[in-house]
Protein backbone atom coordinates (compact mmCIF):
# COMPACT_ATOMS: atom_id res chain seq x y z
CA MET A 1 35.65 -90.39 -108.11
CA THR A 2 36.51 -86.78 -107.51
CA ASN A 3 36.50 -84.81 -104.32
CA GLN A 4 35.55 -81.15 -103.79
CA GLN A 5 38.78 -79.91 -105.31
CA GLY A 6 38.50 -82.23 -108.30
CA THR A 7 41.32 -84.61 -107.30
CA GLN A 8 41.14 -88.41 -107.20
CA GLN A 9 40.27 -90.09 -103.91
CA ASP A 10 39.26 -93.45 -102.60
CA ALA A 11 35.75 -94.32 -101.49
CA PRO A 12 34.95 -92.36 -98.31
CA GLN A 13 35.32 -93.86 -94.84
CA ARG A 14 31.78 -94.41 -93.62
CA SER A 15 32.06 -95.78 -90.09
CA GLN A 16 32.32 -92.71 -87.85
CA SER A 17 29.62 -92.98 -85.17
CA ASN A 18 29.39 -89.19 -84.85
CA SER A 19 28.88 -88.60 -88.56
CA THR A 20 25.65 -87.75 -90.35
CA PHE A 21 25.23 -88.08 -94.08
CA LEU A 22 23.32 -86.21 -96.76
CA PHE A 23 23.10 -87.39 -100.37
CA ALA A 24 22.33 -85.23 -103.41
CA GLU A 25 21.84 -86.37 -106.98
CA LEU A 26 23.03 -82.92 -108.13
CA ALA A 27 25.12 -80.37 -106.20
CA TRP A 28 27.02 -77.22 -107.16
CA LEU A 29 30.53 -77.74 -105.83
CA PRO A 30 33.50 -75.40 -106.34
CA THR A 31 34.33 -77.52 -109.39
CA GLY A 32 30.86 -76.94 -110.81
CA TRP A 33 27.76 -79.12 -110.95
CA GLN A 34 28.51 -82.70 -109.83
CA HIS A 35 26.28 -85.81 -109.67
CA ASN A 36 25.60 -88.22 -106.82
CA VAL A 37 27.32 -86.28 -104.06
CA LEU A 38 27.67 -87.64 -100.55
CA PHE A 39 28.19 -85.13 -97.73
CA GLU A 40 29.62 -86.39 -94.46
CA ILE A 41 29.01 -83.99 -91.56
CA VAL A 42 30.91 -84.06 -88.29
CA GLU A 43 30.26 -81.46 -85.54
CA GLY A 44 28.43 -79.18 -87.90
CA HIS A 45 31.09 -79.12 -90.65
CA PHE A 46 31.71 -80.99 -93.86
CA ALA A 47 34.19 -83.77 -93.13
CA GLN A 48 34.02 -85.28 -96.63
CA VAL A 49 32.37 -84.26 -99.90
CA THR A 50 32.43 -87.06 -102.45
CA ALA A 51 31.01 -86.90 -105.98
CA ASN A 52 30.03 -89.80 -108.26
CA THR A 53 29.40 -92.17 -105.40
CA THR A 54 26.52 -93.99 -103.75
CA PRO A 55 24.56 -93.16 -100.59
CA VAL A 56 25.32 -94.85 -97.29
CA ASP A 57 22.69 -96.44 -95.11
CA GLY A 58 20.83 -93.81 -93.14
CA ALA A 59 21.84 -90.94 -95.40
CA GLN A 60 19.13 -88.30 -95.89
CA HIS A 61 18.32 -87.88 -99.57
CA LEU A 62 17.99 -84.30 -100.71
CA GLN A 63 15.25 -83.90 -103.31
CA GLY A 64 16.49 -81.26 -105.76
CA PRO A 65 19.56 -79.33 -106.90
CA VAL A 66 21.81 -78.40 -103.96
CA LEU A 67 23.58 -75.07 -103.63
CA PRO A 68 25.68 -73.43 -100.95
CA THR A 69 23.90 -70.81 -98.86
CA LEU A 70 24.97 -67.16 -98.64
CA ALA A 71 25.81 -64.63 -95.96
CA ASN A 72 23.55 -61.59 -95.75
CA VAL A 73 26.31 -59.13 -94.92
CA HIS A 74 24.25 -56.10 -93.92
CA SER A 75 21.17 -56.03 -91.76
CA HIS A 76 19.45 -53.50 -89.50
CA ALA A 77 16.91 -55.94 -88.01
CA PHE A 78 14.63 -53.34 -86.40
CA GLN A 79 13.99 -51.65 -89.78
CA ARG A 80 11.99 -54.63 -91.01
CA VAL A 81 9.01 -53.38 -89.00
CA MET A 82 8.74 -50.25 -91.16
CA ALA A 83 9.22 -51.90 -94.57
CA GLY A 84 6.74 -50.35 -97.00
CA MET A 85 5.75 -47.49 -94.68
CA ALA A 86 7.83 -44.79 -96.42
CA GLU A 87 6.27 -45.13 -99.87
CA VAL A 88 4.05 -42.05 -99.51
CA SER A 89 5.21 -38.85 -101.15
CA LEU A 90 5.23 -36.06 -98.54
CA ASN A 91 7.94 -33.99 -100.18
CA PRO A 92 8.77 -33.43 -103.86
CA ASP A 93 12.40 -33.84 -102.87
CA ASP A 94 12.01 -37.13 -100.94
CA SER A 95 15.34 -38.82 -100.39
CA PHE A 96 17.28 -41.03 -98.02
CA TRP A 97 17.32 -38.13 -95.56
CA SER A 98 13.52 -37.83 -95.38
CA TRP A 99 13.26 -41.61 -95.07
CA ARG A 100 15.68 -41.38 -92.14
CA ASP A 101 13.31 -39.04 -90.26
CA LEU A 102 10.61 -41.70 -90.32
CA MET A 103 13.07 -44.31 -89.22
CA TYR A 104 14.01 -42.20 -86.23
CA LYS A 105 10.34 -41.97 -85.19
CA ILE A 106 10.01 -45.76 -85.31
CA VAL A 107 13.24 -46.22 -83.38
CA GLY A 108 11.85 -44.22 -80.45
CA ARG A 109 9.03 -46.74 -79.92
CA LEU A 110 10.88 -50.05 -79.84
CA SER A 111 11.51 -52.06 -76.66
CA PRO A 112 14.11 -54.84 -76.43
CA GLN A 113 11.34 -57.47 -76.40
CA GLN A 114 9.83 -55.99 -79.55
CA VAL A 115 13.23 -56.03 -81.24
CA HIS A 116 13.55 -59.71 -80.37
CA VAL A 117 10.22 -60.51 -82.02
CA ILE A 118 11.08 -58.48 -85.14
CA ALA A 119 14.50 -60.08 -85.44
CA THR A 120 13.20 -63.63 -84.97
CA GLN A 121 10.69 -63.30 -87.81
CA LEU A 122 13.29 -61.54 -89.97
CA TYR A 123 15.86 -64.29 -89.49
CA ILE A 124 13.29 -67.00 -90.24
CA ASP A 125 12.52 -65.21 -93.51
CA MET A 126 16.25 -64.89 -94.25
CA LEU A 127 16.69 -68.65 -93.81
CA LYS A 128 13.82 -69.22 -96.23
CA ALA A 129 15.68 -66.99 -98.71
CA GLY A 130 18.88 -69.05 -98.49
CA TYR A 131 20.80 -66.78 -96.12
CA THR A 132 22.37 -68.72 -93.24
CA GLN A 133 24.62 -66.02 -91.78
CA VAL A 134 23.60 -62.45 -91.06
CA GLY A 135 25.92 -59.49 -90.60
CA GLU A 136 23.86 -57.57 -88.01
CA PHE A 137 25.00 -53.93 -88.19
CA HIS A 138 23.73 -53.06 -84.69
CA TYR A 139 23.43 -49.48 -83.50
CA LEU A 140 20.13 -49.47 -81.55
CA HIS A 141 21.94 -49.74 -78.22
CA HIS A 142 20.09 -47.76 -75.53
CA ASP A 143 16.66 -46.94 -74.13
CA PRO A 144 14.49 -44.22 -75.82
CA SER A 145 16.02 -41.50 -73.67
CA GLY A 146 19.52 -42.54 -74.67
CA GLN A 147 20.42 -44.11 -71.36
CA PRO A 148 22.16 -47.50 -71.30
CA TYR A 149 20.08 -50.44 -70.16
CA ARG A 150 21.06 -52.05 -66.83
CA ASP A 151 22.73 -54.64 -69.02
CA PRO A 152 24.57 -52.50 -71.64
CA ALA A 153 24.38 -55.42 -74.10
CA GLU A 154 20.63 -55.92 -73.68
CA MET A 155 19.75 -55.11 -77.29
CA ALA A 156 22.61 -57.22 -78.62
CA HIS A 157 21.44 -60.14 -76.48
CA GLN A 158 17.95 -59.84 -78.02
CA LEU A 159 19.46 -60.15 -81.49
CA LEU A 160 21.67 -63.10 -80.54
CA ASN A 161 18.72 -64.84 -78.89
CA ALA A 162 16.66 -64.34 -82.02
CA ALA A 163 19.45 -65.87 -84.09
CA ASP A 164 19.58 -68.84 -81.76
CA SER A 165 15.80 -69.28 -81.90
CA SER A 166 15.71 -69.22 -85.69
CA GLY A 167 18.86 -71.21 -86.26
CA ILE A 168 20.73 -68.63 -88.32
CA GLY A 169 24.38 -67.73 -87.74
CA MET A 170 25.23 -64.17 -86.83
CA THR A 171 28.23 -61.92 -87.33
CA LEU A 172 27.37 -59.32 -84.71
CA LEU A 173 28.65 -55.85 -85.64
CA PRO A 174 28.06 -53.43 -82.74
CA ALA A 175 28.44 -49.99 -84.26
CA LEU A 176 30.28 -47.06 -82.79
CA TYR A 177 28.12 -43.97 -83.37
CA SER A 178 29.06 -40.68 -81.67
CA TYR A 179 28.25 -37.73 -83.95
CA ALA A 180 25.60 -36.38 -86.26
CA GLY A 181 27.96 -35.19 -88.98
CA PHE A 182 31.50 -34.62 -90.15
CA GLY A 183 33.68 -32.57 -87.85
CA GLY A 184 32.14 -33.93 -84.62
CA GLN A 185 28.67 -32.38 -84.90
CA ALA A 186 26.59 -33.09 -81.79
CA PRO A 187 24.04 -35.89 -82.21
CA ASN A 188 20.37 -35.00 -82.54
CA GLN A 189 17.51 -36.35 -80.46
CA GLY A 190 16.61 -38.99 -83.03
CA GLN A 191 20.06 -40.48 -82.63
CA ALA A 192 20.00 -40.66 -78.83
CA ARG A 193 19.63 -44.45 -78.72
CA PHE A 194 22.71 -45.01 -80.90
CA ILE A 195 25.38 -43.00 -79.11
CA HIS A 196 28.54 -44.46 -77.58
CA SER A 197 31.87 -42.95 -76.54
CA SER A 198 34.99 -44.82 -77.51
CA ASP A 199 35.32 -46.09 -73.94
CA SER A 200 31.72 -47.33 -73.61
CA TYR A 201 31.95 -48.96 -77.04
CA LEU A 202 35.13 -50.83 -76.10
CA GLN A 203 33.46 -51.98 -72.89
CA LEU A 204 30.50 -53.33 -74.89
CA GLN A 205 32.85 -55.15 -77.24
CA GLN A 206 34.75 -56.64 -74.31
CA GLN A 207 31.52 -57.86 -72.68
CA LEU A 208 30.22 -59.46 -75.85
CA ALA A 209 33.54 -61.08 -76.69
CA SER A 210 33.75 -62.63 -73.22
CA GLU A 211 30.14 -63.88 -73.33
CA LEU A 212 30.52 -65.47 -76.77
CA LYS A 213 33.77 -67.16 -75.73
CA ARG A 214 32.17 -68.61 -72.62
CA ALA A 215 29.19 -69.82 -74.62
CA GLU A 216 31.37 -71.55 -77.21
CA PHE A 217 33.36 -73.20 -74.42
CA SER A 218 30.28 -74.60 -72.75
CA GLU A 219 29.00 -75.92 -76.08
CA LYS A 220 32.03 -78.11 -76.47
CA PHE A 221 30.53 -80.19 -73.71
CA SER A 222 26.84 -79.84 -74.56
CA GLY A 223 27.21 -80.48 -78.30
CA THR A 224 24.67 -77.77 -79.26
CA HIS A 225 27.02 -75.71 -81.47
CA ALA A 226 24.60 -72.75 -81.29
CA HIS A 227 26.99 -69.92 -80.48
CA SER A 228 29.75 -71.50 -82.60
CA ARG A 229 27.74 -70.06 -85.53
CA HIS A 230 28.29 -66.56 -84.25
CA ARG A 231 31.13 -64.10 -84.77
CA LEU A 232 31.89 -60.66 -83.35
CA GLY A 233 33.16 -57.88 -85.60
CA ILE A 234 34.20 -54.26 -85.35
CA CYS A 235 31.88 -51.58 -86.76
CA PHE A 236 31.91 -47.83 -87.30
CA HIS A 237 28.56 -46.47 -88.33
CA SER A 238 30.04 -44.05 -90.87
CA LEU A 239 32.74 -41.44 -91.30
CA ARG A 240 30.24 -38.73 -90.33
CA ALA A 241 29.44 -40.55 -87.05
CA VAL A 242 32.99 -41.06 -85.70
CA ASN A 243 36.30 -39.24 -85.82
CA GLN A 244 39.80 -40.33 -86.80
CA GLN A 245 40.99 -40.66 -83.22
CA GLN A 246 38.10 -42.97 -82.38
CA ILE A 247 38.74 -45.26 -85.34
CA GLN A 248 42.42 -45.49 -84.43
CA GLU A 249 41.73 -46.13 -80.74
CA VAL A 250 39.19 -48.85 -81.47
CA LEU A 251 41.38 -50.60 -84.02
CA ALA A 252 44.40 -50.44 -81.70
CA ALA A 253 42.35 -52.07 -78.91
CA LEU A 254 40.42 -54.65 -80.92
CA ASP A 255 41.96 -55.46 -84.28
CA HIS A 256 44.12 -58.38 -83.12
CA HIS A 257 42.14 -61.42 -84.20
CA GLY A 258 41.36 -60.81 -87.83
CA GLN A 259 37.71 -60.05 -87.24
CA PRO A 260 35.63 -58.18 -89.88
CA ILE A 261 35.47 -54.34 -89.84
CA HIS A 262 32.38 -52.75 -91.33
CA ILE A 263 31.39 -49.15 -92.11
CA HIS A 264 28.72 -47.33 -94.14
CA ILE A 265 30.42 -45.21 -96.77
CA ALA A 266 29.64 -43.11 -99.85
CA GLU A 267 25.98 -44.15 -99.87
CA GLN A 268 24.61 -40.75 -100.80
CA GLN A 269 25.86 -37.85 -102.93
CA LYS A 270 25.28 -35.51 -99.98
CA GLU A 271 27.60 -37.64 -97.86
CA VAL A 272 30.31 -37.34 -100.47
CA THR A 273 29.82 -33.57 -100.79
CA ASP A 274 29.90 -33.11 -97.02
CA CYS A 275 33.07 -35.18 -96.76
CA LEU A 276 34.73 -33.09 -99.46
CA ASN A 277 33.71 -29.87 -97.71
CA TRP A 278 35.12 -31.20 -94.42
CA SER A 279 38.37 -32.80 -95.63
CA GLN A 280 38.84 -31.97 -99.31
CA GLN A 281 38.82 -35.74 -99.89
CA ARG A 282 36.13 -38.17 -100.88
CA PRO A 283 35.01 -40.75 -98.21
CA VAL A 284 36.83 -43.84 -99.46
CA GLU A 285 39.85 -41.71 -100.35
CA TRP A 286 39.95 -40.32 -96.80
CA LEU A 287 39.58 -43.77 -95.24
CA HIS A 288 42.31 -45.22 -97.45
CA ASN A 289 44.72 -42.30 -96.78
CA HIS A 290 44.18 -41.78 -93.07
CA ILE A 291 43.29 -45.25 -91.73
CA GLY A 292 44.21 -47.78 -94.44
CA LEU A 293 42.21 -50.57 -95.96
CA ASN A 294 42.81 -54.32 -96.07
CA ASP A 295 40.79 -57.51 -96.54
CA ARG A 296 39.25 -57.18 -93.05
CA TRP A 297 37.17 -54.20 -94.19
CA CYS A 298 33.70 -54.34 -95.66
CA LEU A 299 32.57 -51.00 -97.14
CA ILE A 300 28.79 -50.89 -97.05
CA HIS A 301 27.18 -49.39 -100.18
CA ALA A 302 30.21 -47.49 -101.56
CA THR A 303 27.77 -46.32 -104.22
CA HIS A 304 29.53 -43.16 -105.29
CA LEU A 305 33.17 -43.90 -106.14
CA SER A 306 35.76 -42.18 -108.27
CA HIS A 307 37.99 -44.29 -110.57
CA ASN A 308 40.82 -43.89 -108.08
CA GLU A 309 38.65 -45.05 -105.17
CA ILE A 310 37.56 -48.14 -107.14
CA GLN A 311 41.19 -49.06 -107.62
CA MET A 312 42.00 -48.35 -103.98
CA ILE A 313 39.35 -50.77 -102.75
CA ALA A 314 40.28 -53.45 -105.30
CA ASP A 315 44.00 -53.22 -104.53
CA SER A 316 43.40 -53.38 -100.78
CA GLY A 317 41.38 -56.57 -100.93
CA ALA A 318 38.52 -54.99 -99.02
CA ALA A 319 35.01 -56.13 -99.86
CA VAL A 320 32.06 -53.92 -100.75
CA GLY A 321 28.68 -54.79 -99.14
CA LEU A 322 25.97 -54.10 -101.76
CA CYS A 323 22.28 -53.89 -100.88
CA PRO A 324 20.65 -53.34 -104.30
CA THR A 325 16.98 -53.39 -103.21
CA THR A 326 17.51 -50.97 -100.36
CA GLU A 327 19.80 -48.75 -102.47
CA ALA A 328 17.05 -48.65 -105.09
CA ASN A 329 14.33 -48.04 -102.49
CA LEU A 330 16.24 -45.12 -100.98
CA GLY A 331 17.27 -43.64 -104.32
CA ASP A 332 20.99 -43.99 -103.50
CA GLY A 333 22.27 -44.50 -107.01
CA ILE A 334 23.86 -47.30 -109.03
CA PHE A 335 27.07 -48.96 -107.91
CA PRO A 336 29.83 -48.97 -110.59
CA GLY A 337 29.74 -52.74 -110.78
CA VAL A 338 31.29 -53.21 -114.18
CA GLU A 339 34.33 -51.04 -113.51
CA PHE A 340 34.69 -52.56 -110.04
CA THR A 341 34.61 -56.07 -111.43
CA GLN A 342 37.17 -55.19 -114.10
CA ALA A 343 39.47 -53.84 -111.41
CA GLY A 344 39.29 -57.14 -109.55
CA GLY A 345 37.09 -55.86 -106.74
CA ARG A 346 35.28 -58.14 -104.29
CA TRP A 347 31.65 -57.69 -103.30
CA SER A 348 28.90 -59.27 -101.22
CA ILE A 349 25.14 -58.69 -100.76
CA GLY A 350 22.83 -57.71 -97.90
CA SER A 351 19.21 -56.76 -97.41
CA ASP A 352 19.89 -53.71 -95.16
CA SER A 353 16.43 -52.18 -94.41
CA HIS A 354 14.63 -55.39 -95.53
CA VAL A 355 12.18 -54.01 -98.05
CA CYS A 356 13.08 -57.27 -99.81
CA LEU A 357 14.26 -60.61 -98.42
CA SER A 358 15.31 -62.43 -101.57
CA ALA A 359 18.90 -63.12 -102.49
CA THR A 360 17.84 -63.75 -106.07
CA GLU A 361 16.23 -60.33 -106.25
CA GLU A 362 19.36 -58.62 -104.87
CA LEU A 363 21.56 -60.33 -107.47
CA ARG A 364 19.11 -59.80 -110.33
CA LEU A 365 18.70 -56.09 -109.51
CA LEU A 366 22.47 -55.67 -109.25
CA GLU A 367 22.91 -57.02 -112.79
CA TYR A 368 19.85 -55.20 -114.19
CA SER A 369 20.96 -51.83 -112.84
CA GLN A 370 24.19 -52.16 -114.77
CA ARG A 371 22.25 -53.00 -117.93
CA LEU A 372 19.92 -50.03 -117.52
CA ARG A 373 22.77 -47.60 -116.99
CA ASP A 374 24.94 -48.99 -119.83
CA GLN A 375 22.09 -49.93 -122.19
CA GLN A 376 23.80 -53.29 -122.76
CA ARG A 377 23.22 -56.85 -121.65
CA ASN A 378 25.25 -59.33 -119.56
CA ARG A 379 27.41 -56.88 -117.66
CA LEU A 380 28.76 -58.79 -114.64
CA TYR A 381 30.83 -61.87 -115.61
CA SER A 382 34.42 -62.97 -115.84
CA GLN A 383 36.63 -64.54 -118.47
CA SER A 384 36.58 -67.75 -116.50
CA GLN A 385 32.78 -67.68 -115.94
CA ASN A 386 30.58 -66.22 -118.68
CA HIS A 387 27.35 -67.49 -117.14
CA VAL A 388 26.16 -64.30 -115.43
CA GLY A 389 24.15 -66.09 -112.73
CA ASP A 390 27.01 -68.39 -111.79
CA HIS A 391 29.41 -65.43 -111.62
CA LEU A 392 27.01 -63.40 -109.43
CA TYR A 393 26.44 -66.29 -107.06
CA THR A 394 30.16 -67.08 -106.77
CA GLN A 395 30.99 -63.46 -105.97
CA ALA A 396 28.20 -63.20 -103.37
CA LEU A 397 29.34 -66.44 -101.75
CA ASN A 398 33.06 -65.57 -101.57
CA GLY A 399 32.50 -61.92 -100.68
CA GLY A 400 30.00 -62.87 -98.01
CA ASN A 401 32.43 -65.27 -96.42
CA GLN A 402 35.08 -62.59 -96.30
CA ALA A 403 32.78 -59.86 -94.99
CA CYS A 404 31.29 -62.02 -92.22
CA GLY A 405 34.45 -63.89 -91.19
CA ILE A 406 33.01 -67.34 -91.94
CA GLN A 407 33.35 -70.15 -94.45
CA LEU A 408 30.28 -71.25 -96.32
CA GLY A 409 30.42 -73.52 -99.37
CA LEU A 410 30.03 -77.16 -100.28
CA SER A 411 33.61 -78.00 -99.40
CA VAL A 412 35.52 -79.93 -96.73
CA GLY A 413 36.01 -77.80 -93.62
CA CYS A 414 33.17 -75.42 -94.35
CA ARG A 415 30.17 -75.19 -92.03
CA ALA A 416 27.61 -77.71 -93.19
CA ASP A 417 25.12 -75.19 -94.66
CA LEU A 418 23.24 -75.88 -97.85
CA MET A 419 19.94 -75.32 -99.56
CA VAL A 420 17.79 -77.40 -101.89
CA LEU A 421 15.85 -76.00 -104.85
CA ASP A 422 12.47 -77.24 -106.01
CA SER A 423 13.24 -79.34 -109.07
CA THR A 424 9.55 -79.68 -109.93
CA HIS A 425 9.40 -76.10 -111.22
CA PRO A 426 9.15 -76.46 -115.02
CA LEU A 427 11.99 -74.05 -115.76
CA LEU A 428 14.35 -76.07 -113.53
CA MET A 429 12.92 -79.44 -114.48
CA ALA A 430 13.59 -78.86 -118.20
CA SER A 431 16.89 -76.95 -117.88
CA GLN A 432 20.24 -78.20 -118.96
CA THR A 433 22.41 -78.43 -115.87
CA PRO A 434 24.79 -75.56 -116.82
CA ASP A 435 21.80 -73.23 -117.10
CA LEU A 436 20.21 -73.95 -113.71
CA ILE A 437 21.55 -70.93 -111.82
CA ASN A 438 20.74 -68.54 -114.67
CA ARG A 439 17.23 -69.93 -114.92
CA TRP A 440 16.73 -69.68 -111.15
CA LEU A 441 18.11 -66.17 -110.74
CA PHE A 442 16.64 -64.48 -113.81
CA ALA A 443 13.40 -66.38 -114.63
CA CYS A 444 11.95 -67.77 -111.40
CA HIS A 445 10.18 -65.19 -109.27
CA ASP A 446 8.65 -67.55 -106.72
CA ASN A 447 10.84 -68.70 -103.86
CA LEU A 448 12.09 -72.09 -105.04
CA ILE A 449 14.19 -72.83 -101.92
CA LYS A 450 12.60 -75.87 -100.28
CA ASP A 451 15.05 -76.98 -97.66
CA VAL A 452 17.84 -75.19 -95.75
CA PHE A 453 20.46 -76.71 -93.43
CA VAL A 454 22.67 -74.81 -90.99
CA ALA A 455 25.62 -76.63 -89.41
CA GLY A 456 24.08 -79.89 -90.54
CA LYS A 457 20.75 -79.19 -88.93
CA GLN A 458 17.63 -78.72 -91.09
CA CYS A 459 16.05 -75.33 -90.34
CA ILE A 460 13.69 -75.04 -93.34
CA ALA A 461 11.74 -78.16 -94.43
CA ASP A 462 9.60 -77.98 -97.55
CA GLY A 463 9.60 -74.19 -97.27
CA HIS A 464 8.57 -74.04 -93.60
CA HIS A 465 10.20 -73.22 -90.28
CA ALA A 466 9.02 -74.83 -87.05
CA LEU A 467 8.46 -71.46 -85.33
CA GLU A 468 6.94 -69.55 -88.24
CA ASP A 469 3.25 -69.58 -87.30
CA HIS A 470 3.85 -68.34 -83.78
CA SER A 471 6.52 -65.90 -84.93
CA ARG A 472 4.26 -64.38 -87.62
CA ARG A 473 1.48 -63.75 -85.13
CA GLU A 474 3.87 -62.03 -82.70
CA PHE A 475 5.38 -59.94 -85.46
CA ALA A 476 1.97 -58.78 -86.70
CA GLU A 477 1.14 -57.62 -83.16
CA ILE A 478 4.38 -55.62 -82.97
CA ILE A 479 3.56 -53.86 -86.24
CA LYS A 480 0.22 -52.81 -84.80
CA GLN A 481 1.87 -51.54 -81.66
CA VAL A 482 4.71 -49.61 -83.35
CA ILE A 483 3.16 -48.26 -86.57
CA VAL A 484 0.66 -45.72 -85.31
C-alpha cells in the first residue's frame, strides 16, 4: 500500500485510544486520486493517511469523493450585509469608488453585535462552500464616531467568536489604516471607524497575540482545539492608507514569527495612476523597491501589473490573493493570470465583499476571464498538470496555505480538514475518476459539497450546519435594521 507521498508502508497502527478514523472509497491525495483511503486523526491533525487499505472498526465512512478544503484568503465580513445592494445605476460612470461610498454608509450603522451575527452566517456559508480557513482582513475597528471601544479589540473579538461558533478557522488580519490617499492625505468621515496610528495598531496586535496565546495554552488542557485553528497576521490596508515609515515600524516590531503579511494593491487603474503621480513608480514596483517582498506577503488583487511587476512577485515567492467575483462585480479588471502562471507565480482565492460564496465560481471565473480576454480555451494549466480544474484547485490550495499561514491538505501533519462531494449527481456518478474535478468545477452549478470536517470535527452534515436556522433568522433581521 502507498502512503500520502506515494512510498511503501506497512499496515497502519490502529490501537491509539485518542485516534479517530475516517474512511473514503475515493480521495484526492497529493499523489492524485486514490482508492480505499483510511485517515487517522489525532488532536485535530492527520496522523496517518493510508491508501488501498480496509476500514477499522468504528471508522466513519465518507459517502462520496473526498477533497481537501481551501482557505478563503480575503474577507471583509461586514460587507456581506450589503451584497446585491449596489446593482442600481445611479451614475453613468459607476465604479469601485462609487460602490465605496455606499459601503461607507453601511459601515456607519453597524454595531459589534450586528457584526457578530453577519460574520457567523457568513462563516457558516463559507464552510458549506468548502472553505475551512478565512483570512479576515479586518479594518472596522472603532465606534461610528471613530472612537475606540472600551475594549480596543471589541470588533476583532466579535469576528473570532463568530469563527468559534461556526467552526471555521481564522487568520485574523487587523489592518493598519491611517490615511485617505497617497502622501498622507487626511482620512474622511466615512473612514473614521478604520483609523489607527502606528502605536495604537501595535497595541492592538500585542493584545490579540497575547489573548490567542493564552487561549491556545488553556486548550491544551481542555482538548477543545478551538483557538488552535486561528492565526494572527500583519496587515496594511493599502499603500494609499499608510506611509513608508509606518510599514517599516510595524514590520520591525512584529515580523519575527513568520506570520502572513497582507495588503490591497493595484486593484484599480486610478490607484496605479495616483501611485505613479505620487512616487513615479507603480504600486508593486514601489513596494518591492522600498520595502521588499518575500513569501510572507499576500498581495490582494494585484489586478494591474506591468511585466516587470509580474516577475518581481514571482521571483519573491509572494502570493497574490485573487477575488474574481468581487473583482468582476466592482469592474476592477482582469488579472494577468496566464503571464503570472508562466512566470511561476503563486496565487490563492478569496470572496472579499461576498457577492458570491462559491469556491467553484471563483475558480471558474478566473479561468473564463482569461479565455474571454485571449479568445482561447484552457488558459491556466501547467506542463505537469494539463487538467485545468486540477491545476486551479492545486494552486488555490497551496496558495491559500501560504497566504493564511496554515497547512490544509489530505496529508500527514495537516489539520484534519476535508470535504465530501455528492456522488449521486449524474455528472459525477458517470465521470471517469481523472475528470471529476473538471466536471465539478466547470459543469456543476449546484453546491455538491455534502459534508465538511474541520480539525476532525464534522461542521457540515448533508449540506447543513447545526446553527444555520437560528443564524439565518438573525441575519435577516440585521439586514432589515441596516439596509434602510
